[in-house]
Amino acid sequence: MALVVDSSVWIDYFNGKHSPQTNALDHALGAQEIIIGDLILTEVLQGFRSDSDFHHARELLRVFPAVSMLGADMAMAMKAAENYRALRKRGVTVRKTIDVMIATYCIEHALSLLYSDRDFDPMVKHLGLQIPIK
């Protein structure tokens, strides 16, 4: 099964931070298909301060299959809105809409999401988001 890696893990990985998630990413590289979404790519690359780091990361990330997480037909955007509302009805306040978009893409495509951002935890619990490590 292909793996989607959230920006929270990529950022920690590029910054040399050691965690269960960055270790899982390190083990997945070269051993498992890793997909990068356009939303994730934007989040990762916008954080680089130096041009050289930005260009280096951009080249490294180009090797992974890239996907449009919302798509042109708007069905994924509608589903993300439904998921956001479902969480809100359960009393869960989602801090970043983009995280619901990323999780919805993974749920709808039966992909596992590697993340270190606790905002995804309710999506695992209430929406069925799959994760590679617990």
Protein backbone atom coordinates (compact mmCIF):
# COMPACT_ATOMS: atom_id res chain seq x y z
CA MET A 1 0.00 0.00 0.00
CA ALA A 2 1.23 3.48 -0.85
CA LEU A 3 1.98 5.91 1.92
CA VAL A 4 1.21 9.61 2.17
CA VAL A 5 3.59 11.55 4.41
CA ASP A 6 2.26 14.73 5.98
CA SER A 7 4.24 17.95 5.98
CA SER A 8 4.68 17.67 9.75
CA VAL A 9 6.88 14.60 9.21
CA TRP A 10 8.70 15.94 6.14
CA ILE A 11 9.58 19.14 8.00
CA ASP A 12 10.91 17.21 10.99
CA TYR A 13 12.82 14.92 8.61
CA PHE A 14 14.46 17.81 6.73
CA ASN A 15 15.33 19.43 10.07
CA GLY A 16 17.05 16.24 11.26
CA LYS A 17 14.61 15.61 14.10
CA HIS A 18 14.46 12.00 15.28
CA SER A 19 11.03 10.62 16.13
CA PRO A 20 9.05 7.44 15.52
CA GLN A 21 7.52 9.17 12.49
CA THR A 22 10.80 10.31 10.92
CA ASN A 23 12.24 6.85 11.57
CA ALA A 24 9.22 5.32 9.83
CA LEU A 25 9.75 7.67 6.88
CA ASP A 26 13.43 6.75 6.77
CA HIS A 27 12.52 3.05 6.62
CA ALA A 28 9.82 3.61 3.99
CA LEU A 29 12.15 5.49 1.63
CA GLY A 30 13.12 3.10 -1.13
CA ALA A 31 11.03 0.27 0.35
CA GLN A 32 7.50 1.57 -0.14
CA GLU A 33 5.70 3.81 -2.59
CA ILE A 34 5.44 7.30 -1.11
CA ILE A 35 2.97 9.73 -2.61
CA ILE A 36 3.21 13.48 -2.15
CA GLY A 37 0.13 15.63 -2.42
CA ASP A 38 0.14 19.11 -3.85
CA LEU A 39 -1.12 20.53 -0.55
CA ILE A 40 1.66 18.80 1.37
CA LEU A 41 4.31 19.87 -1.13
CA THR A 42 3.23 23.49 -0.72
CA GLU A 43 3.31 23.27 3.08
CA VAL A 44 6.79 21.73 3.08
CA LEU A 45 8.44 23.99 0.53
CA GLN A 46 7.00 27.26 1.82
CA GLY A 47 8.88 26.81 5.09
CA PHE A 48 12.41 26.89 3.69
CA ARG A 49 14.18 30.15 4.40
CA SER A 50 17.17 29.82 2.08
CA ASP A 51 16.86 29.49 -1.66
CA SER A 52 19.41 26.69 -1.75
CA ASP A 53 17.51 24.60 0.83
CA PHE A 54 14.25 25.26 -1.04
CA HIS A 55 15.73 24.15 -4.38
CA HIS A 56 17.42 21.11 -2.83
CA ALA A 57 14.20 19.95 -1.14
CA ARG A 58 12.18 20.58 -4.29
CA GLU A 59 14.51 18.34 -6.28
CA LEU A 60 14.43 15.61 -3.63
CA LEU A 61 10.63 15.63 -3.44
CA ARG A 62 10.22 15.48 -7.24
CA VAL A 63 11.08 11.78 -7.22
CA PHE A 64 7.76 10.93 -5.55
CA PRO A 65 4.51 10.56 -7.47
CA ALA A 66 2.57 13.81 -7.03
CA VAL A 67 -1.20 13.97 -6.76
CA SER A 68 -3.79 16.71 -6.70
CA MET A 69 -5.53 16.18 -3.39
CA LEU A 70 -8.68 18.16 -4.15
CA GLY A 71 -9.04 17.57 -7.88
CA ALA A 72 -10.88 19.61 -10.46
CA ASP A 73 -14.29 17.97 -10.11
CA MET A 74 -14.81 19.36 -6.57
CA ALA A 75 -16.00 16.00 -5.20
CA MET A 76 -13.04 15.80 -2.82
CA ALA A 77 -13.63 19.37 -1.63
CA MET A 78 -17.27 18.49 -0.92
CA LYS A 79 -16.25 15.33 0.96
CA ALA A 80 -13.68 17.28 3.00
CA ALA A 81 -16.39 19.77 3.97
CA GLU A 82 -18.64 16.87 5.01
CA ASN A 83 -15.82 15.40 7.12
CA TYR A 84 -15.12 18.78 8.73
CA ARG A 85 -18.80 19.12 9.64
CA ALA A 86 -18.96 15.55 10.95
CA LEU A 87 -16.05 16.27 13.28
CA ARG A 88 -17.58 19.55 14.41
CA LYS A 89 -20.85 17.75 15.24
CA ARG A 90 -18.79 15.47 17.51
CA GLY A 91 -17.36 18.50 19.29
CA VAL A 92 -13.99 18.32 17.53
CA THR A 93 -12.57 21.66 16.50
CA VAL A 94 -10.26 21.30 13.53
CA ARG A 95 -7.56 23.96 13.60
CA LYS A 96 -6.47 23.63 9.98
CA THR A 97 -8.86 22.94 7.13
CA ILE A 98 -5.96 21.73 5.01
CA ASP A 99 -5.50 18.79 7.40
CA VAL A 100 -9.09 17.69 6.77
CA MET A 101 -8.43 17.92 3.02
CA ILE A 102 -5.32 15.75 3.31
CA ALA A 103 -7.03 13.20 5.57
CA THR A 104 -10.08 13.05 3.30
CA TYR A 105 -7.88 12.31 0.28
CA CYS A 106 -6.21 9.48 2.19
CA ILE A 107 -9.51 8.06 3.45
CA GLU A 108 -11.15 8.16 0.01
CA HIS A 109 -8.15 6.50 -1.66
CA ALA A 110 -7.52 3.97 1.15
CA LEU A 111 -4.03 5.36 1.77
CA SER A 112 -2.19 5.40 5.05
CA LEU A 113 -1.05 8.78 6.40
CA LEU A 114 2.19 9.18 8.33
CA TYR A 115 1.89 12.30 10.48
CA SER A 116 3.14 13.85 13.69
CA ASP A 117 0.47 16.55 13.95
CA ARG A 118 -2.07 15.69 16.66
CA ASP A 119 -4.80 17.40 14.64
CA PHE A 120 -5.13 14.18 12.64
CA ASP A 121 -5.92 12.05 15.73
CA PRO A 122 -9.69 12.73 15.65
CA MET A 123 -9.74 11.81 11.97
CA VAL A 124 -8.26 8.43 12.84
CA LYS A 125 -10.78 7.95 15.64
CA HIS A 126 -13.93 9.28 13.97
CA LEU A 127 -13.36 9.13 10.21
CA GLY A 128 -11.31 5.95 9.77
CA LEU A 129 -8.05 7.54 8.63
CA GLN A 130 -5.45 4.75 8.37
CA ILE A 131 -2.04 5.18 9.94
CA PRO A 132 1.12 3.09 9.47
CA ILE A 133 2.31 3.34 13.10
CA LYS A 134 0.47 3.82 16.36
